[in-house]
Amino acid sequence: MSSTPIRHPGLNLGHAHAEAHEASESLVFGFWVFMMSDLIIFGLLFATYVTMLGGTAGGTGPGELFELKSAFIETSLLLVSSFTFGMASLALKYRTDRKVLVGWLVVTLLLGLAFLGHEFHDFHKMFSEGGVPSRSGFLSAFFALVPLHGLHVTGASIWLIALLGQIAVHGLDTQTKTGLMRLAILWHFLDVVWIGIFSLVYLGGTA
């Protein structure tokens, strides 16, 4: 009994998508290498944030600036978006109806944009209360870490819009399929990073 070889962590498309399955071997591996470098950057920023927790310079600390309810909403939006992207990945591999795939991708995009909207609201509120990066080392470390994650989500959302455009113009060709496979890795990676932010920054800060 033959089986489809597993080429990399993440979605493996299999023989039903033979050309994309072959092309993904080097493309997805290279993307994993890039993600590991991104993980190092976030790890350094997490370490910096922990080091600077007490560096409030007499200003407000996390207990006064953070809203746990808002952070919980943002976490829920991102977790659900990770689920919907997973459903899109399954639709890509197993479904022939392109509408199902596009539907899950659009829902994922809307959830990502809702997350960004909530996060922007939180930053605006912090700024209005004097919580600006130049106020203290703690706030500098916070705004180096959390907005960088938001910037990644913004980039991933733009990439998703571009892929939806590719699907509309070119259909599900090899380039689009491998693009979706790589974006799925990035999207789930950002979900994992946000769990770390929610646990360390928000839960730890308001505890």
N, C-alpha and C. Protein backbone atom coordinates (compact mmCIF):
# COMPACT_ATOMS: atom_id res chain seq x y z
N MET A 1 0.85 -1.19 0.00
CA MET A 1 0.00 0.00 0.00
C MET A 1 0.89 1.25 0.00
N SER A 2 0.77 2.06 -1.05
CA SER A 2 1.61 3.25 -1.15
C SER A 2 1.01 4.40 -0.38
N SER A 3 1.86 5.28 0.05
CA SER A 3 1.40 6.45 0.79
C SER A 3 2.11 7.68 0.25
N THR A 4 1.46 8.84 0.39
CA THR A 4 2.03 10.10 -0.08
C THR A 4 3.15 10.52 0.85
N PRO A 5 4.35 10.81 0.33
CA PRO A 5 5.45 11.21 1.22
C PRO A 5 5.17 12.54 1.90
N ILE A 6 5.56 12.64 3.16
CA ILE A 6 5.42 13.88 3.90
C ILE A 6 6.67 14.72 3.65
N ARG A 7 6.49 15.89 3.05
CA ARG A 7 7.62 16.69 2.62
C ARG A 7 8.03 17.75 3.63
N HIS A 8 7.11 18.19 4.46
CA HIS A 8 7.41 19.29 5.38
C HIS A 8 6.31 19.37 6.42
N PRO A 9 6.57 20.02 7.58
CA PRO A 9 5.51 20.25 8.56
C PRO A 9 4.45 21.17 7.97
N GLY A 10 3.22 20.92 8.30
CA GLY A 10 2.13 21.73 7.78
C GLY A 10 1.33 20.94 6.76
N LEU A 11 0.57 21.65 5.94
CA LEU A 11 -0.28 21.00 4.95
C LEU A 11 0.55 20.39 3.83
N ASN A 12 0.35 19.09 3.56
CA ASN A 12 0.93 18.41 2.41
C ASN A 12 -0.22 18.08 1.46
N LEU A 13 -0.18 18.62 0.25
CA LEU A 13 -1.34 18.55 -0.64
C LEU A 13 -1.59 17.16 -1.22
N GLY A 14 -0.55 16.39 -1.46
CA GLY A 14 -0.74 15.04 -1.96
C GLY A 14 -0.87 14.96 -3.47
N HIS A 15 -1.14 13.74 -3.96
CA HIS A 15 -1.12 13.48 -5.40
C HIS A 15 -2.23 14.19 -6.16
N ALA A 16 -3.29 14.56 -5.48
CA ALA A 16 -4.37 15.27 -6.16
C ALA A 16 -3.91 16.66 -6.63
N HIS A 17 -2.83 17.15 -6.04
CA HIS A 17 -2.25 18.43 -6.44
C HIS A 17 -0.77 18.20 -6.73
N ALA A 18 -0.50 17.32 -7.67
CA ALA A 18 0.86 16.80 -7.85
C ALA A 18 1.89 17.90 -8.08
N GLU A 19 1.60 18.84 -8.98
CA GLU A 19 2.58 19.86 -9.29
C GLU A 19 2.87 20.75 -8.09
N ALA A 20 1.83 21.18 -7.38
CA ALA A 20 2.01 22.01 -6.20
C ALA A 20 2.67 21.22 -5.08
N HIS A 21 2.36 19.93 -4.99
CA HIS A 21 2.97 19.08 -3.96
C HIS A 21 4.48 19.01 -4.16
N GLU A 22 4.91 18.91 -5.41
CA GLU A 22 6.34 18.87 -5.70
C GLU A 22 6.99 20.23 -5.46
N ALA A 23 6.32 21.28 -5.92
CA ALA A 23 6.90 22.64 -5.80
C ALA A 23 7.02 23.08 -4.35
N SER A 24 6.16 22.56 -3.49
CA SER A 24 6.14 23.02 -2.10
C SER A 24 7.35 22.55 -1.30
N GLU A 25 8.04 21.52 -1.78
CA GLU A 25 9.13 20.94 -0.99
C GLU A 25 10.18 21.99 -0.63
N SER A 26 10.68 22.72 -1.63
CA SER A 26 11.71 23.72 -1.36
C SER A 26 11.11 25.03 -0.87
N LEU A 27 9.94 25.43 -1.42
CA LEU A 27 9.33 26.69 -1.04
C LEU A 27 8.92 26.73 0.42
N VAL A 28 8.25 25.68 0.86
CA VAL A 28 7.76 25.66 2.24
C VAL A 28 8.91 25.47 3.21
N PHE A 29 9.91 24.65 2.84
CA PHE A 29 11.08 24.50 3.71
C PHE A 29 11.77 25.85 3.91
N GLY A 30 11.95 26.59 2.83
CA GLY A 30 12.57 27.91 2.94
C GLY A 30 11.77 28.85 3.80
N PHE A 31 10.44 28.73 3.71
CA PHE A 31 9.59 29.59 4.53
C PHE A 31 9.70 29.22 6.00
N TRP A 32 9.85 27.94 6.30
CA TRP A 32 10.05 27.53 7.69
C TRP A 32 11.35 28.12 8.25
N VAL A 33 12.40 28.16 7.43
CA VAL A 33 13.67 28.76 7.87
C VAL A 33 13.46 30.24 8.19
N PHE A 34 12.70 30.94 7.33
CA PHE A 34 12.40 32.34 7.59
C PHE A 34 11.62 32.49 8.89
N MET A 35 10.65 31.62 9.14
CA MET A 35 9.84 31.72 10.35
C MET A 35 10.69 31.51 11.60
N MET A 36 11.69 30.65 11.51
CA MET A 36 12.56 30.45 12.67
C MET A 36 13.35 31.72 12.99
N SER A 37 13.75 32.45 11.97
CA SER A 37 14.45 33.72 12.22
C SER A 37 13.49 34.73 12.85
N ASP A 38 12.24 34.70 12.42
CA ASP A 38 11.23 35.58 13.02
C ASP A 38 10.99 35.20 14.48
N LEU A 39 11.02 33.92 14.76
CA LEU A 39 10.82 33.45 16.13
C LEU A 39 11.93 33.97 17.04
N ILE A 40 13.16 34.02 16.54
CA ILE A 40 14.28 34.54 17.33
C ILE A 40 14.04 36.01 17.68
N ILE A 41 13.55 36.79 16.70
CA ILE A 41 13.27 38.20 16.95
C ILE A 41 12.23 38.36 18.05
N PHE A 42 11.13 37.61 17.96
CA PHE A 42 10.10 37.71 18.99
C PHE A 42 10.63 37.23 20.34
N GLY A 43 11.47 36.20 20.33
CA GLY A 43 12.04 35.72 21.59
C GLY A 43 12.87 36.79 22.27
N LEU A 44 13.66 37.52 21.50
CA LEU A 44 14.46 38.61 22.06
C LEU A 44 13.57 39.72 22.61
N LEU A 45 12.49 40.03 21.91
CA LEU A 45 11.59 41.08 22.37
C LEU A 45 10.83 40.66 23.62
N PHE A 46 10.47 39.39 23.72
CA PHE A 46 9.85 38.89 24.95
C PHE A 46 10.82 39.03 26.13
N ALA A 47 12.08 38.66 25.89
CA ALA A 47 13.08 38.77 26.96
C ALA A 47 13.29 40.21 27.38
N THR A 48 13.31 41.12 26.40
CA THR A 48 13.47 42.55 26.71
C THR A 48 12.29 43.06 27.52
N TYR A 49 11.09 42.65 27.14
CA TYR A 49 9.90 43.10 27.86
C TYR A 49 9.94 42.65 29.32
N VAL A 50 10.29 41.39 29.55
CA VAL A 50 10.35 40.88 30.92
C VAL A 50 11.39 41.65 31.73
N THR A 51 12.52 41.96 31.10
CA THR A 51 13.57 42.71 31.78
C THR A 51 13.11 44.11 32.17
N MET A 52 12.28 44.72 31.33
CA MET A 52 11.87 46.11 31.54
C MET A 52 10.55 46.26 32.29
N LEU A 53 10.01 45.18 32.81
CA LEU A 53 8.71 45.26 33.49
C LEU A 53 8.71 46.28 34.62
N GLY A 54 9.79 46.36 35.35
CA GLY A 54 9.84 47.31 36.47
C GLY A 54 10.29 48.70 36.08
N GLY A 55 10.61 48.91 34.82
CA GLY A 55 11.14 50.20 34.39
C GLY A 55 10.06 51.18 33.99
N THR A 56 9.17 51.50 34.92
CA THR A 56 8.06 52.40 34.60
C THR A 56 8.44 53.88 34.76
N ALA A 57 9.59 54.17 35.35
CA ALA A 57 10.05 55.56 35.55
C ALA A 57 9.01 56.40 36.28
N GLY A 58 8.35 55.78 37.25
CA GLY A 58 7.34 56.50 38.02
C GLY A 58 6.02 56.69 37.31
N GLY A 59 5.89 56.15 36.10
CA GLY A 59 4.65 56.29 35.35
C GLY A 59 3.71 55.10 35.55
N THR A 60 2.71 55.02 34.70
CA THR A 60 1.73 53.94 34.81
C THR A 60 2.34 52.61 34.38
N GLY A 61 1.86 51.56 35.03
CA GLY A 61 2.31 50.21 34.72
C GLY A 61 1.24 49.42 33.99
N PRO A 62 1.47 48.14 33.77
CA PRO A 62 0.52 47.33 33.01
C PRO A 62 -0.85 47.23 33.67
N GLY A 63 -0.89 47.21 34.99
CA GLY A 63 -2.17 47.09 35.68
C GLY A 63 -3.11 48.25 35.40
N GLU A 64 -2.55 49.43 35.16
CA GLU A 64 -3.37 50.61 34.90
C GLU A 64 -3.69 50.79 33.41
N LEU A 65 -2.82 50.31 32.54
CA LEU A 65 -2.98 50.58 31.11
C LEU A 65 -3.72 49.49 30.35
N PHE A 66 -3.60 48.24 30.78
CA PHE A 66 -4.15 47.14 30.01
C PHE A 66 -5.59 46.86 30.39
N GLU A 67 -6.39 46.48 29.39
CA GLU A 67 -7.76 46.04 29.60
C GLU A 67 -7.85 44.57 29.23
N LEU A 68 -8.04 43.72 30.23
CA LEU A 68 -8.05 42.28 30.00
C LEU A 68 -9.22 41.86 29.11
N LYS A 69 -10.36 42.54 29.25
CA LYS A 69 -11.52 42.18 28.43
C LYS A 69 -11.23 42.38 26.96
N SER A 70 -10.63 43.51 26.61
CA SER A 70 -10.30 43.79 25.22
C SER A 70 -9.27 42.79 24.69
N ALA A 71 -8.27 42.48 25.52
CA ALA A 71 -7.25 41.51 25.10
C ALA A 71 -7.86 40.13 24.91
N PHE A 72 -8.86 39.78 25.73
CA PHE A 72 -9.52 38.49 25.58
C PHE A 72 -10.30 38.44 24.27
N ILE A 73 -10.96 39.54 23.92
CA ILE A 73 -11.68 39.60 22.64
C ILE A 73 -10.71 39.42 21.48
N GLU A 74 -9.57 40.11 21.54
CA GLU A 74 -8.57 39.99 20.48
C GLU A 74 -8.05 38.56 20.38
N THR A 75 -7.84 37.92 21.53
CA THR A 75 -7.37 36.54 21.54
C THR A 75 -8.40 35.62 20.90
N SER A 76 -9.66 35.82 21.23
CA SER A 76 -10.73 34.99 20.67
C SER A 76 -10.81 35.16 19.16
N LEU A 77 -10.70 36.40 18.68
CA LEU A 77 -10.75 36.65 17.24
C LEU A 77 -9.61 35.94 16.52
N LEU A 78 -8.42 35.99 17.10
CA LEU A 78 -7.27 35.39 16.43
C LEU A 78 -7.33 33.86 16.48
N LEU A 79 -7.80 33.31 17.61
CA LEU A 79 -7.93 31.86 17.70
C LEU A 79 -8.96 31.32 16.71
N VAL A 80 -10.08 32.03 16.60
CA VAL A 80 -11.11 31.59 15.65
C VAL A 80 -10.60 31.73 14.22
N SER A 81 -9.82 32.79 13.93
CA SER A 81 -9.27 32.96 12.59
C SER A 81 -8.29 31.84 12.24
N SER A 82 -7.58 31.35 13.24
CA SER A 82 -6.68 30.22 13.00
C SER A 82 -7.47 28.96 12.65
N PHE A 83 -8.61 28.79 13.31
CA PHE A 83 -9.49 27.66 12.99
C PHE A 83 -10.04 27.78 11.56
N THR A 84 -10.51 28.98 11.20
CA THR A 84 -11.08 29.15 9.87
C THR A 84 -10.02 28.99 8.78
N PHE A 85 -8.79 29.39 9.08
CA PHE A 85 -7.72 29.16 8.09
C PHE A 85 -7.44 27.67 7.96
N GLY A 86 -7.54 26.96 9.07
CA GLY A 86 -7.40 25.50 9.01
C GLY A 86 -8.47 24.87 8.14
N MET A 87 -9.70 25.36 8.25
CA MET A 87 -10.78 24.87 7.41
C MET A 87 -10.53 25.21 5.94
N ALA A 88 -9.95 26.40 5.70
CA ALA A 88 -9.61 26.77 4.33
C ALA A 88 -8.53 25.83 3.77
N SER A 89 -7.57 25.47 4.61
CA SER A 89 -6.52 24.55 4.17
C SER A 89 -7.09 23.18 3.80
N LEU A 90 -8.03 22.70 4.61
CA LEU A 90 -8.69 21.42 4.30
C LEU A 90 -9.50 21.53 3.02
N ALA A 91 -10.17 22.67 2.82
CA ALA A 91 -10.93 22.87 1.59
C ALA A 91 -10.01 22.89 0.38
N LEU A 92 -8.83 23.48 0.54
CA LEU A 92 -7.85 23.51 -0.55
C LEU A 92 -7.43 22.09 -0.93
N LYS A 93 -7.24 21.25 0.05
CA LYS A 93 -6.72 19.90 -0.21
C LYS A 93 -7.80 18.94 -0.68
N TYR A 94 -9.01 19.04 -0.10
CA TYR A 94 -10.00 17.99 -0.32
C TYR A 94 -11.22 18.42 -1.14
N ARG A 95 -11.50 19.73 -1.24
CA ARG A 95 -12.72 20.16 -1.92
C ARG A 95 -12.40 20.67 -3.32
N THR A 96 -13.29 20.35 -4.24
CA THR A 96 -13.13 20.84 -5.61
C THR A 96 -13.88 22.15 -5.83
N ASP A 97 -14.81 22.47 -4.93
CA ASP A 97 -15.58 23.71 -5.06
C ASP A 97 -14.76 24.88 -4.52
N ARG A 98 -14.34 25.77 -5.40
CA ARG A 98 -13.49 26.89 -5.01
C ARG A 98 -14.22 27.85 -4.07
N LYS A 99 -15.55 27.90 -4.15
CA LYS A 99 -16.32 28.83 -3.33
C LYS A 99 -16.16 28.54 -1.84
N VAL A 100 -16.02 27.27 -1.49
CA VAL A 100 -15.85 26.90 -0.07
C VAL A 100 -14.53 27.45 0.45
N LEU A 101 -13.47 27.27 -0.33
CA LEU A 101 -12.15 27.79 0.05
C LEU A 101 -12.20 29.30 0.20
N VAL A 102 -12.74 29.98 -0.79
CA VAL A 102 -12.80 31.44 -0.76
C VAL A 102 -13.63 31.92 0.43
N GLY A 103 -14.72 31.22 0.72
CA GLY A 103 -15.56 31.60 1.85
C GLY A 103 -14.81 31.57 3.17
N TRP A 104 -14.06 30.48 3.41
CA TRP A 104 -13.28 30.37 4.65
C TRP A 104 -12.18 31.42 4.69
N LEU A 105 -11.56 31.71 3.55
CA LEU A 105 -10.50 32.73 3.53
C LEU A 105 -11.05 34.12 3.82
N VAL A 106 -12.23 34.42 3.29
CA VAL A 106 -12.83 35.73 3.54
C VAL A 106 -13.18 35.87 5.02
N VAL A 107 -13.73 34.82 5.62
CA VAL A 107 -14.03 34.86 7.06
C VAL A 107 -12.75 35.07 7.86
N THR A 108 -11.68 34.38 7.48
CA THR A 108 -10.39 34.54 8.15
C THR A 108 -9.90 35.98 8.05
N LEU A 109 -10.02 36.56 6.87
CA LEU A 109 -9.59 37.94 6.66
C LEU A 109 -10.39 38.91 7.53
N LEU A 110 -11.69 38.73 7.59
CA LEU A 110 -12.54 39.61 8.40
C LEU A 110 -12.18 39.51 9.88
N LEU A 111 -11.90 38.30 10.35
CA LEU A 111 -11.50 38.12 11.75
C LEU A 111 -10.16 38.80 12.02
N GLY A 112 -9.22 38.68 11.07
CA GLY A 112 -7.93 39.33 11.22
C GLY A 112 -8.06 40.84 11.26
N LEU A 113 -8.91 41.39 10.41
CA LEU A 113 -9.12 42.84 10.40
C LEU A 113 -9.82 43.31 11.67
N ALA A 114 -10.74 42.49 12.18
CA ALA A 114 -11.40 42.84 13.45
C ALA A 114 -10.39 42.85 14.59
N PHE A 115 -9.46 41.89 14.59
CA PHE A 115 -8.40 41.87 15.58
C PHE A 115 -7.57 43.15 15.52
N LEU A 116 -7.20 43.56 14.32
CA LEU A 116 -6.39 44.78 14.15
C LEU A 116 -7.16 46.01 14.61
N GLY A 117 -8.46 46.04 14.34
CA GLY A 117 -9.27 47.18 14.77
C GLY A 117 -9.32 47.30 16.28
N HIS A 118 -9.49 46.17 16.98
CA HIS A 118 -9.50 46.18 18.45
C HIS A 118 -8.14 46.59 18.99
N GLU A 119 -7.08 46.09 18.38
CA GLU A 119 -5.74 46.42 18.87
C GLU A 119 -5.44 47.90 18.67
N PHE A 120 -5.83 48.44 17.52
CA PHE A 120 -5.62 49.87 17.28
C PHE A 120 -6.38 50.71 18.30
N HIS A 121 -7.58 50.28 18.65
CA HIS A 121 -8.37 50.99 19.67
C HIS A 121 -7.64 50.98 21.01
N ASP A 122 -7.06 49.83 21.37
CA ASP A 122 -6.31 49.73 22.63
C ASP A 122 -5.11 50.68 22.63
N PHE A 123 -4.37 50.72 21.52
CA PHE A 123 -3.21 51.60 21.44
C PHE A 123 -3.64 53.06 21.54
N HIS A 124 -4.73 53.42 20.89
CA HIS A 124 -5.22 54.80 20.94
C HIS A 124 -5.59 55.19 22.36
N LYS A 125 -6.23 54.26 23.08
CA LYS A 125 -6.61 54.53 24.46
C LYS A 125 -5.38 54.70 25.34
N MET A 126 -4.35 53.86 25.14
CA MET A 126 -3.12 53.98 25.90
C MET A 126 -2.43 55.31 25.64
N PHE A 127 -2.41 55.75 24.39
CA PHE A 127 -1.80 57.03 24.05
C PHE A 127 -2.54 58.18 24.70
N SER A 128 -3.88 58.10 24.73
CA SER A 128 -4.67 59.18 25.33
C SER A 128 -4.45 59.27 26.83
N GLU A 129 -4.00 58.16 27.45
CA GLU A 129 -3.73 58.15 28.88
C GLU A 129 -2.26 58.37 29.19
N GLY A 130 -1.49 58.77 28.20
CA GLY A 130 -0.07 59.05 28.41
C GLY A 130 0.84 57.85 28.28
N GLY A 131 0.30 56.74 27.84
CA GLY A 131 1.11 55.53 27.69
C GLY A 131 1.80 55.48 26.35
N VAL A 132 2.77 56.36 26.14
CA VAL A 132 3.51 56.44 24.87
C VAL A 132 4.87 55.77 25.03
N PRO A 133 5.47 55.30 23.95
CA PRO A 133 6.74 54.58 24.06
C PRO A 133 7.85 55.36 24.75
N SER A 134 7.88 56.68 24.60
CA SER A 134 8.96 57.49 25.17
C SER A 134 8.79 57.72 26.67
N ARG A 135 7.67 57.28 27.24
CA ARG A 135 7.41 57.56 28.67
C ARG A 135 8.30 56.75 29.59
N SER A 136 8.58 55.51 29.24
CA SER A 136 9.39 54.65 30.13
C SER A 136 9.98 53.50 29.34
N GLY A 137 10.93 52.83 29.96
CA GLY A 137 11.51 51.64 29.35
C GLY A 137 10.50 50.53 29.20
N PHE A 138 9.60 50.41 30.19
CA PHE A 138 8.54 49.40 30.11
C PHE A 138 7.67 49.61 28.87
N LEU A 139 7.24 50.85 28.63
CA LEU A 139 6.38 51.13 27.49
C LEU A 139 7.14 51.00 26.17
N SER A 140 8.43 51.34 26.17
CA SER A 140 9.23 51.14 24.97
C SER A 140 9.29 49.66 24.61
N ALA A 141 9.49 48.80 25.63
CA ALA A 141 9.55 47.36 25.38
C ALA A 141 8.19 46.84 24.92
N PHE A 142 7.11 47.35 25.51
CA PHE A 142 5.76 46.92 25.12
C PHE A 142 5.49 47.26 23.67
N PHE A 143 5.80 48.50 23.28
CA PHE A 143 5.51 48.93 21.92
C PHE A 143 6.51 48.39 20.90
N ALA A 144 7.58 47.80 21.35
CA ALA A 144 8.46 47.08 20.43
C ALA A 144 7.92 45.68 20.15
N LEU A 145 7.23 45.10 21.12
CA LEU A 145 6.75 43.72 21.00
C LEU A 145 5.36 43.62 20.38
N VAL A 146 4.38 44.22 21.02
CA VAL A 146 2.99 43.99 20.64
C VAL A 146 2.66 44.58 19.27
N PRO A 147 3.01 45.85 18.97
CA PRO A 147 2.71 46.35 17.63
C PRO A 147 3.45 45.61 16.51
N LEU A 148 4.61 45.02 16.82
CA LEU A 148 5.31 44.23 15.80
C LEU A 148 4.46 43.03 15.40
N HIS A 149 3.82 42.43 16.38
CA HIS A 149 2.90 41.32 16.07
C HIS A 149 1.75 41.84 15.22
N GLY A 150 1.20 43.00 15.59
CA GLY A 150 0.13 43.59 14.79
C GLY A 150 0.56 43.90 13.37
N LEU A 151 1.81 44.34 13.22
CA LEU A 151 2.35 44.61 11.89
C LEU A 151 2.42 43.32 11.06
N HIS A 152 2.78 42.22 11.72
CA HIS A 152 2.80 40.93 11.04
C HIS A 152 1.39 40.53 10.60
N VAL A 153 0.40 40.73 11.47
CA VAL A 153 -0.98 40.40 11.10
C VAL A 153 -1.45 41.26 9.93
N THR A 154 -1.04 42.54 9.94
CA THR A 154 -1.37 43.43 8.83
C THR A 154 -0.77 42.91 7.53
N GLY A 155 0.51 42.54 7.57
CA GLY A 155 1.16 42.00 6.38
C GLY A 155 0.50 40.71 5.91
N ALA A 156 0.13 39.84 6.86
CA ALA A 156 -0.53 38.58 6.51
C ALA A 156 -1.90 38.84 5.88
N SER A 157 -2.60 39.85 6.38
CA SER A 157 -3.92 40.19 5.83
C SER A 157 -3.78 40.71 4.40
N ILE A 158 -2.76 41.56 4.16
CA ILE A 158 -2.52 42.06 2.80
C ILE A 158 -2.17 40.90 1.87
N TRP A 159 -1.36 39.98 2.37
CA TRP A 159 -1.00 38.79 1.58
C TRP A 159 -2.24 37.98 1.25
N LEU A 160 -3.14 37.84 2.22
CA LEU A 160 -4.37 37.09 2.00
C LEU A 160 -5.25 37.76 0.94
N ILE A 161 -5.34 39.09 0.99
CA ILE A 161 -6.09 39.83 -0.03
C ILE A 161 -5.49 39.59 -1.41
N ALA A 162 -4.15 39.61 -1.48
CA ALA A 162 -3.47 39.37 -2.76
C ALA A 162 -3.76 37.96 -3.28
N LEU A 163 -3.78 36.98 -2.38
CA LEU A 163 -4.07 35.60 -2.80
C LEU A 163 -5.52 35.45 -3.26
N LEU A 164 -6.43 36.14 -2.60
CA LEU A 164 -7.82 36.12 -3.06
C LEU A 164 -7.91 36.71 -4.47
N GLY A 165 -7.13 37.76 -4.73
CA GLY A 165 -7.08 38.32 -6.07
C GLY A 165 -6.52 37.33 -7.08
N GLN A 166 -5.46 36.60 -6.68
CA GLN A 166 -4.89 35.59 -7.56
C GLN A 166 -5.89 34.49 -7.88
N ILE A 167 -6.66 34.07 -6.87
CA ILE A 167 -7.67 33.04 -7.09
C ILE A 167 -8.71 33.54 -8.08
N ALA A 168 -9.12 34.80 -7.93
CA ALA A 168 -10.13 35.36 -8.82
C ALA A 168 -9.63 35.46 -10.26
N VAL A 169 -8.35 35.79 -10.45
CA VAL A 169 -7.81 36.02 -11.79
C VAL A 169 -7.27 34.74 -12.42
N HIS A 170 -6.48 33.98 -11.62
CA HIS A 170 -5.77 32.82 -12.18
C HIS A 170 -6.33 31.48 -11.73
N GLY A 171 -7.26 31.49 -10.78
CA GLY A 171 -7.74 30.22 -10.24
C GLY A 171 -6.74 29.62 -9.28
N LEU A 172 -6.89 28.35 -9.00
CA LEU A 172 -6.00 27.68 -8.05
C LEU A 172 -4.83 27.06 -8.80
N ASP A 173 -3.92 27.91 -9.28
CA ASP A 173 -2.72 27.40 -9.92
C ASP A 173 -1.68 27.05 -8.87
N THR A 174 -0.54 26.55 -9.30
CA THR A 174 0.50 26.11 -8.36
C THR A 174 1.00 27.25 -7.49
N GLN A 175 1.19 28.43 -8.07
CA GLN A 175 1.69 29.56 -7.29
C GLN A 175 0.71 29.95 -6.19
N THR A 176 -0.58 29.93 -6.50
CA THR A 176 -1.58 30.28 -5.50
C THR A 176 -1.64 29.24 -4.39
N LYS A 177 -1.58 27.97 -4.75
CA LYS A 177 -1.63 26.90 -3.75
C LYS A 177 -0.44 26.97 -2.80
N THR A 178 0.75 27.13 -3.35
CA THR A 178 1.93 27.20 -2.47
C THR A 178 1.92 28.48 -1.64
N GLY A 179 1.36 29.56 -2.20
CA GLY A 179 1.21 30.79 -1.42
C GLY A 179 0.29 30.59 -0.23
N LEU A 180 -0.81 29.89 -0.43
CA LEU A 180 -1.74 29.61 0.66
C LEU A 180 -1.10 28.72 1.72
N MET A 181 -0.29 27.77 1.29
CA MET A 181 0.39 26.88 2.24
C MET A 181 1.35 27.66 3.13
N ARG A 182 2.08 28.59 2.53
CA ARG A 182 3.03 29.38 3.32
C ARG A 182 2.32 30.39 4.22
N LEU A 183 1.26 30.99 3.71
CA LEU A 183 0.52 31.94 4.53
C LEU A 183 -0.13 31.23 5.72
N ALA A 184 -0.56 29.99 5.53
CA ALA A 184 -1.14 29.23 6.64
C ALA A 184 -0.13 29.06 7.78
N ILE A 185 1.13 28.78 7.42
CA ILE A 185 2.18 28.65 8.43
C ILE A 185 2.35 29.96 9.19
N LEU A 186 2.40 31.06 8.45
CA LEU A 186 2.55 32.37 9.09
C LEU A 186 1.37 32.69 9.99
N TRP A 187 0.16 32.42 9.52
CA TRP A 187 -1.03 32.76 10.29
C TRP A 187 -1.08 31.99 11.61
N HIS A 188 -0.79 30.70 11.55
CA HIS A 188 -0.79 29.90 12.78
C HIS A 188 0.37 30.29 13.70
N PHE A 189 1.49 30.65 13.11
CA PHE A 189 2.63 31.13 13.90
C PHE A 189 2.25 32.39 14.68
N LEU A 190 1.56 33.33 14.03
CA LEU A 190 1.15 34.55 14.70
C LEU A 190 0.14 34.27 15.81
N ASP A 191 -0.66 33.24 15.63
CA ASP A 191 -1.59 32.83 16.68
C ASP A 191 -0.83 32.35 17.91
N VAL A 192 0.21 31.54 17.69
CA VAL A 192 1.02 31.03 18.81
C VAL A 192 1.75 32.19 19.52
N VAL A 193 2.31 33.11 18.74
CA VAL A 193 2.99 34.26 19.34
C VAL A 193 2.01 35.08 20.17
N TRP A 194 0.79 35.27 19.66
CA TRP A 194 -0.18 36.06 20.40
C TRP A 194 -0.58 35.38 21.72
N ILE A 195 -0.65 34.07 21.74
CA ILE A 195 -0.94 33.36 22.99
C ILE A 195 0.14 33.69 24.02
N GLY A 196 1.40 33.75 23.57
CA GLY A 196 2.48 34.16 24.46
C GLY A 196 2.32 35.59 24.93
N ILE A 197 1.92 36.48 24.02
CA ILE A 197 1.71 37.88 24.41
C ILE A 197 0.55 38.00 25.39
N PHE A 198 -0.54 37.32 25.11
CA PHE A 198 -1.70 37.40 25.99
C PHE A 198 -1.37 36.87 27.38
N SER A 199 -0.63 35.76 27.42
CA SER A 199 -0.30 35.15 28.71
C SER A 199 0.69 35.98 29.50
N LEU A 200 1.77 36.41 28.85
CA LEU A 200 2.85 37.12 29.55
C LEU A 200 2.53 38.59 29.77
N VAL A 201 2.09 39.26 28.71
CA VAL A 201 1.90 40.71 28.78
C VAL A 201 0.59 41.06 29.47
N TYR A 202 -0.51 40.51 29.01
CA TYR A 202 -1.81 40.94 29.50
C TYR A 202 -2.22 40.20 30.78
N LEU A 203 -2.21 38.88 30.77
CA LEU A 203 -2.55 38.15 32.00
C LEU A 203 -1.54 38.44 33.10
N GLY A 204 -0.24 38.38 32.76
CA GLY A 204 0.79 38.65 33.74
C GLY A 204 0.75 40.09 34.23
N GLY A 205 0.41 41.02 33.35
CA GLY A 205 0.39 42.43 33.73
C GLY A 205 -0.78 42.83 34.61
N THR A 206 -1.90 42.14 34.43
CA THR A 206 -3.10 42.49 35.22
C THR A 206 -3.30 41.58 36.42
N ALA A 207 -2.43 40.58 36.58
CA ALA A 207 -2.58 39.66 37.71
C ALA A 207 -2.28 40.35 39.05
